[in-house]
Amino acid sequence: MKKILLLCIFFSASAVAKDVAVMPNRAGGGVVLTNEDCYLKGKNYEGLKRSYAVANGGQTIDGCFYLENDFVVMGYEDGTKYRYPIAQFQLLEKDHQSGHKTDPSDKDSKNYM
């Protein structure tokens, strides 16, 4: 059921950028999935959504993600790639908004991963 809800949020159209799901990470922070298109290193990656990970000390690393079967496949800006079971993510409240803005002007279709 959680997977279905996450898929609905992932594919729903929204004019407001939002954090939609989170899971704890080993760095004492969390991995966050958003409904924003992925804009990273000056490029917009079509078909991927923005994600980020936060460490306990506040350090943040940006990335992009997509869903594959029962996994969230995430590539980070440092070149690392991880597969997380979708069941480990907790859905956030519908009105939980992200403070990060993206620049939609660059529509490069290159695949980030």
N, C-alpha and C. Protein backbone atom coordinates (compact mmCIF):
# COMPACT_ATOMS: atom_id res chain seq x y z
N MET A 1 0.82 -1.19 0.00
CA MET A 1 0.00 0.00 0.00
C MET A 1 0.86 1.25 0.00
N LYS A 2 1.96 1.22 0.76
CA LYS A 2 2.85 2.38 0.82
C LYS A 2 3.41 2.69 -0.56
N LYS A 3 3.75 1.65 -1.32
CA LYS A 3 4.29 1.85 -2.66
C LYS A 3 3.27 2.56 -3.56
N ILE A 4 2.02 2.16 -3.48
CA ILE A 4 0.98 2.78 -4.30
C ILE A 4 0.82 4.25 -3.94
N LEU A 5 0.81 4.56 -2.65
CA LEU A 5 0.69 5.95 -2.23
C LEU A 5 1.87 6.79 -2.70
N LEU A 6 3.07 6.24 -2.58
CA LEU A 6 4.26 6.97 -3.03
C LEU A 6 4.23 7.19 -4.54
N LEU A 7 3.80 6.21 -5.28
CA LEU A 7 3.68 6.36 -6.73
C LEU A 7 2.67 7.44 -7.10
N CYS A 8 1.56 7.49 -6.39
CA CYS A 8 0.55 8.52 -6.65
C CYS A 8 1.13 9.92 -6.40
N ILE A 9 1.83 10.08 -5.32
CA ILE A 9 2.43 11.38 -5.03
C ILE A 9 3.53 11.69 -6.03
N PHE A 10 4.34 10.70 -6.38
CA PHE A 10 5.44 10.89 -7.31
C PHE A 10 4.95 11.40 -8.66
N PHE A 11 3.85 10.85 -9.15
CA PHE A 11 3.36 11.19 -10.48
C PHE A 11 2.29 12.27 -10.48
N SER A 12 1.88 12.74 -9.32
CA SER A 12 0.84 13.77 -9.29
C SER A 12 1.42 15.12 -9.69
N ALA A 13 0.60 15.88 -10.40
CA ALA A 13 1.02 17.22 -10.83
C ALA A 13 0.83 18.17 -9.66
N SER A 14 1.81 19.00 -9.42
CA SER A 14 1.73 19.97 -8.34
C SER A 14 2.51 21.20 -8.72
N ALA A 15 1.93 22.37 -8.45
CA ALA A 15 2.60 23.62 -8.75
C ALA A 15 3.57 23.99 -7.64
N VAL A 16 3.49 23.30 -6.52
CA VAL A 16 4.33 23.60 -5.37
C VAL A 16 5.34 22.48 -5.16
N ALA A 17 6.62 22.83 -5.05
CA ALA A 17 7.66 21.83 -4.80
C ALA A 17 7.50 21.32 -3.37
N LYS A 18 7.52 20.00 -3.22
CA LYS A 18 7.31 19.41 -1.91
C LYS A 18 8.23 18.23 -1.66
N ASP A 19 8.60 18.06 -0.39
CA ASP A 19 9.21 16.82 0.07
C ASP A 19 8.05 15.85 0.23
N VAL A 20 8.17 14.64 -0.31
CA VAL A 20 7.05 13.70 -0.23
C VAL A 20 7.32 12.47 0.63
N ALA A 21 8.58 12.10 0.80
CA ALA A 21 8.89 10.91 1.60
C ALA A 21 10.29 11.04 2.18
N VAL A 22 10.51 10.35 3.30
CA VAL A 22 11.81 10.40 3.96
C VAL A 22 12.09 9.05 4.62
N MET A 23 13.37 8.73 4.71
CA MET A 23 13.80 7.56 5.50
C MET A 23 15.06 7.94 6.26
N PRO A 24 15.28 7.38 7.43
CA PRO A 24 16.51 7.66 8.18
C PRO A 24 17.72 7.10 7.43
N ASN A 25 18.87 7.76 7.59
CA ASN A 25 20.09 7.23 6.99
C ASN A 25 21.13 6.94 8.07
N ARG A 26 22.22 6.30 7.68
CA ARG A 26 23.26 5.92 8.65
C ARG A 26 24.05 7.11 9.17
N ALA A 27 23.91 8.27 8.51
CA ALA A 27 24.63 9.47 8.95
C ALA A 27 23.85 10.21 10.04
N GLY A 28 22.75 9.63 10.50
CA GLY A 28 21.98 10.25 11.57
C GLY A 28 20.98 11.29 11.09
N GLY A 29 20.80 11.39 9.79
CA GLY A 29 19.85 12.33 9.21
C GLY A 29 18.80 11.58 8.43
N GLY A 30 18.57 12.01 7.19
CA GLY A 30 17.56 11.35 6.38
C GLY A 30 17.81 11.47 4.90
N VAL A 31 17.16 10.61 4.15
CA VAL A 31 17.13 10.66 2.69
C VAL A 31 15.73 11.14 2.33
N VAL A 32 15.66 12.21 1.54
CA VAL A 32 14.38 12.86 1.24
C VAL A 32 14.09 12.78 -0.26
N LEU A 33 12.87 12.38 -0.59
CA LEU A 33 12.40 12.36 -1.98
C LEU A 33 11.45 13.54 -2.17
N THR A 34 11.56 14.22 -3.31
CA THR A 34 10.68 15.35 -3.59
C THR A 34 9.88 15.09 -4.86
N ASN A 35 8.92 15.96 -5.11
CA ASN A 35 8.16 15.88 -6.35
C ASN A 35 8.71 16.83 -7.41
N GLU A 36 9.86 17.43 -7.15
CA GLU A 36 10.48 18.37 -8.08
C GLU A 36 11.22 17.62 -9.19
N ASP A 37 11.23 18.20 -10.39
CA ASP A 37 12.10 17.67 -11.43
C ASP A 37 13.54 17.80 -10.96
N CYS A 38 14.39 16.90 -11.39
CA CYS A 38 15.78 16.93 -10.95
C CYS A 38 16.59 17.91 -11.78
N TYR A 39 17.08 18.93 -11.13
CA TYR A 39 17.96 19.94 -11.72
C TYR A 39 19.25 19.89 -10.92
N LEU A 40 20.32 19.42 -11.55
CA LEU A 40 21.56 19.18 -10.83
C LEU A 40 22.76 19.53 -11.70
N LYS A 41 23.70 20.21 -11.13
CA LYS A 41 24.92 20.59 -11.85
C LYS A 41 24.62 21.31 -13.16
N GLY A 42 23.62 22.20 -13.12
CA GLY A 42 23.29 23.00 -14.28
C GLY A 42 22.45 22.33 -15.35
N LYS A 43 21.91 21.14 -15.05
CA LYS A 43 21.12 20.43 -16.05
C LYS A 43 19.81 19.93 -15.43
N ASN A 44 18.79 19.88 -16.27
CA ASN A 44 17.51 19.31 -15.87
C ASN A 44 17.43 17.91 -16.44
N TYR A 45 17.26 16.91 -15.58
CA TYR A 45 17.24 15.51 -16.00
C TYR A 45 15.80 15.01 -16.10
N GLU A 46 15.29 14.96 -17.32
CA GLU A 46 13.91 14.54 -17.54
C GLU A 46 13.69 13.11 -17.07
N GLY A 47 12.54 12.89 -16.47
CA GLY A 47 12.19 11.56 -15.99
C GLY A 47 12.70 11.25 -14.61
N LEU A 48 13.55 12.11 -14.05
CA LEU A 48 14.07 11.90 -12.70
C LEU A 48 13.53 12.99 -11.78
N LYS A 49 13.39 12.67 -10.52
CA LYS A 49 12.95 13.63 -9.52
C LYS A 49 14.11 13.96 -8.58
N ARG A 50 14.02 15.12 -7.95
CA ARG A 50 15.07 15.59 -7.04
C ARG A 50 14.98 14.84 -5.71
N SER A 51 16.15 14.56 -5.16
CA SER A 51 16.27 13.97 -3.83
C SER A 51 17.46 14.61 -3.15
N TYR A 52 17.56 14.40 -1.86
CA TYR A 52 18.74 14.86 -1.14
C TYR A 52 18.88 14.06 0.15
N ALA A 53 20.09 14.04 0.64
CA ALA A 53 20.36 13.37 1.91
C ALA A 53 20.97 14.39 2.86
N VAL A 54 20.57 14.29 4.11
CA VAL A 54 21.05 15.21 5.14
C VAL A 54 21.71 14.39 6.24
N ALA A 55 22.91 14.79 6.64
CA ALA A 55 23.60 14.14 7.75
C ALA A 55 23.19 14.81 9.06
N ASN A 56 23.50 14.16 10.16
CA ASN A 56 23.16 14.66 11.49
C ASN A 56 23.71 16.07 11.72
N GLY A 57 24.87 16.38 11.16
CA GLY A 57 25.49 17.70 11.34
C GLY A 57 24.96 18.76 10.40
N GLY A 58 24.02 18.40 9.53
CA GLY A 58 23.42 19.37 8.63
C GLY A 58 23.98 19.36 7.22
N GLN A 59 25.04 18.59 6.97
CA GLN A 59 25.59 18.51 5.61
C GLN A 59 24.54 17.90 4.69
N THR A 60 24.42 18.48 3.49
CA THR A 60 23.42 18.02 2.52
C THR A 60 24.10 17.67 1.21
N ILE A 61 23.66 16.58 0.60
CA ILE A 61 24.13 16.20 -0.73
C ILE A 61 22.90 16.00 -1.61
N ASP A 62 22.90 16.63 -2.77
CA ASP A 62 21.77 16.55 -3.69
C ASP A 62 21.90 15.35 -4.61
N GLY A 63 20.77 14.93 -5.13
CA GLY A 63 20.75 13.81 -6.06
C GLY A 63 19.47 13.77 -6.85
N CYS A 64 19.33 12.73 -7.63
CA CYS A 64 18.14 12.46 -8.44
C CYS A 64 17.71 11.03 -8.15
N PHE A 65 16.41 10.75 -8.36
CA PHE A 65 15.96 9.38 -8.14
C PHE A 65 14.88 8.99 -9.13
N TYR A 66 14.69 7.69 -9.24
CA TYR A 66 13.57 7.12 -9.97
C TYR A 66 13.14 5.85 -9.26
N LEU A 67 11.93 5.38 -9.55
CA LEU A 67 11.41 4.16 -8.93
C LEU A 67 11.61 2.99 -9.88
N GLU A 68 12.07 1.87 -9.31
CA GLU A 68 12.27 0.65 -10.09
C GLU A 68 11.81 -0.53 -9.25
N ASN A 69 10.71 -1.14 -9.67
CA ASN A 69 10.11 -2.24 -8.91
C ASN A 69 9.85 -1.79 -7.48
N ASP A 70 10.42 -2.45 -6.49
CA ASP A 70 10.20 -2.08 -5.09
C ASP A 70 11.36 -1.28 -4.51
N PHE A 71 12.09 -0.57 -5.39
CA PHE A 71 13.25 0.19 -4.94
C PHE A 71 13.22 1.64 -5.42
N VAL A 72 13.84 2.49 -4.64
CA VAL A 72 14.13 3.86 -5.04
C VAL A 72 15.59 3.84 -5.46
N VAL A 73 15.88 4.17 -6.71
CA VAL A 73 17.26 4.20 -7.20
C VAL A 73 17.69 5.65 -7.20
N MET A 74 18.75 5.93 -6.45
CA MET A 74 19.18 7.30 -6.25
C MET A 74 20.65 7.46 -6.65
N GLY A 75 20.91 8.51 -7.42
CA GLY A 75 22.28 8.88 -7.76
C GLY A 75 22.57 10.23 -7.14
N TYR A 76 23.68 10.33 -6.44
CA TYR A 76 24.05 11.58 -5.77
C TYR A 76 25.02 12.37 -6.64
N GLU A 77 25.12 13.67 -6.34
CA GLU A 77 25.98 14.56 -7.13
C GLU A 77 27.45 14.18 -7.07
N ASP A 78 27.86 13.38 -6.07
CA ASP A 78 29.26 12.97 -5.99
C ASP A 78 29.55 11.71 -6.82
N GLY A 79 28.52 11.22 -7.53
CA GLY A 79 28.71 10.06 -8.40
C GLY A 79 28.31 8.73 -7.79
N THR A 80 28.00 8.69 -6.50
CA THR A 80 27.58 7.44 -5.88
C THR A 80 26.14 7.14 -6.24
N LYS A 81 25.80 5.84 -6.25
CA LYS A 81 24.45 5.41 -6.60
C LYS A 81 24.01 4.35 -5.59
N TYR A 82 22.77 4.45 -5.14
CA TYR A 82 22.24 3.52 -4.14
C TYR A 82 20.84 3.07 -4.54
N ARG A 83 20.48 1.88 -4.05
CA ARG A 83 19.12 1.35 -4.20
C ARG A 83 18.57 1.16 -2.80
N TYR A 84 17.46 1.83 -2.52
CA TYR A 84 16.83 1.74 -1.20
C TYR A 84 15.46 1.05 -1.35
N PRO A 85 15.14 0.11 -0.47
CA PRO A 85 13.80 -0.49 -0.52
C PRO A 85 12.74 0.59 -0.29
N ILE A 86 11.74 0.61 -1.13
CA ILE A 86 10.70 1.64 -1.04
C ILE A 86 9.96 1.57 0.30
N ALA A 87 9.88 0.38 0.87
CA ALA A 87 9.17 0.20 2.14
C ALA A 87 9.83 0.94 3.30
N GLN A 88 11.10 1.33 3.16
CA GLN A 88 11.79 2.05 4.24
C GLN A 88 11.41 3.53 4.30
N PHE A 89 10.74 4.04 3.28
CA PHE A 89 10.37 5.45 3.25
C PHE A 89 9.03 5.68 3.92
N GLN A 90 8.95 6.78 4.65
CA GLN A 90 7.71 7.22 5.28
C GLN A 90 7.16 8.39 4.50
N LEU A 91 5.88 8.34 4.14
CA LEU A 91 5.26 9.45 3.44
C LEU A 91 5.10 10.63 4.39
N LEU A 92 5.33 11.83 3.87
CA LEU A 92 5.17 13.05 4.66
C LEU A 92 3.77 13.59 4.45
N GLU A 93 3.36 14.47 5.34
CA GLU A 93 2.05 15.09 5.20
C GLU A 93 1.96 15.83 3.88
N LYS A 94 0.78 15.92 3.35
CA LYS A 94 0.56 16.52 2.04
C LYS A 94 1.05 17.96 1.95
N ASP A 95 0.99 18.72 3.02
CA ASP A 95 1.38 20.13 2.95
C ASP A 95 2.81 20.39 3.39
N HIS A 96 3.61 19.34 3.60
CA HIS A 96 5.02 19.51 3.96
C HIS A 96 5.78 20.00 2.73
N GLN A 97 6.28 21.26 2.78
CA GLN A 97 6.88 21.86 1.60
C GLN A 97 8.39 21.95 1.72
N SER A 98 9.05 21.81 0.58
CA SER A 98 10.50 21.96 0.49
C SER A 98 10.84 23.43 0.35
N GLY A 99 11.92 23.84 0.93
CA GLY A 99 12.38 25.22 0.80
C GLY A 99 13.33 25.41 -0.36
N HIS A 100 13.64 24.35 -1.11
CA HIS A 100 14.61 24.43 -2.19
C HIS A 100 13.92 24.70 -3.51
N LYS A 101 14.43 25.65 -4.27
CA LYS A 101 13.88 25.97 -5.58
C LYS A 101 14.80 25.45 -6.67
N THR A 102 14.21 25.08 -7.80
CA THR A 102 15.02 24.63 -8.93
C THR A 102 14.86 25.61 -10.08
N ASP A 103 15.77 25.54 -11.03
CA ASP A 103 15.73 26.40 -12.21
C ASP A 103 15.23 25.56 -13.37
N PRO A 104 13.96 25.75 -13.77
CA PRO A 104 13.40 24.91 -14.83
C PRO A 104 13.79 25.35 -16.23
N SER A 105 14.64 26.36 -16.38
CA SER A 105 14.96 26.89 -17.70
C SER A 105 15.82 25.96 -18.54
N ASP A 106 16.59 25.07 -17.93
CA ASP A 106 17.46 24.17 -18.68
C ASP A 106 16.76 22.84 -18.84
N LYS A 107 16.43 22.45 -20.05
CA LYS A 107 15.69 21.22 -20.31
C LYS A 107 16.57 20.17 -20.97
N ASP A 108 17.81 20.02 -20.54
CA ASP A 108 18.71 19.01 -21.10
C ASP A 108 18.14 17.63 -20.80
N SER A 109 18.07 16.78 -21.80
CA SER A 109 17.44 15.47 -21.62
C SER A 109 18.44 14.36 -21.32
N LYS A 110 19.68 14.69 -21.06
CA LYS A 110 20.68 13.65 -20.77
C LYS A 110 20.29 12.94 -19.48
N ASN A 111 20.54 11.66 -19.44
CA ASN A 111 20.24 10.88 -18.26
C ASN A 111 21.36 11.03 -17.25
N TYR A 112 21.02 11.40 -16.04
CA TYR A 112 22.01 11.63 -14.98
C TYR A 112 22.65 10.35 -14.52
N MET A 113 21.91 9.25 -14.52
CA MET A 113 22.42 8.02 -13.93
C MET A 113 23.02 7.11 -14.95
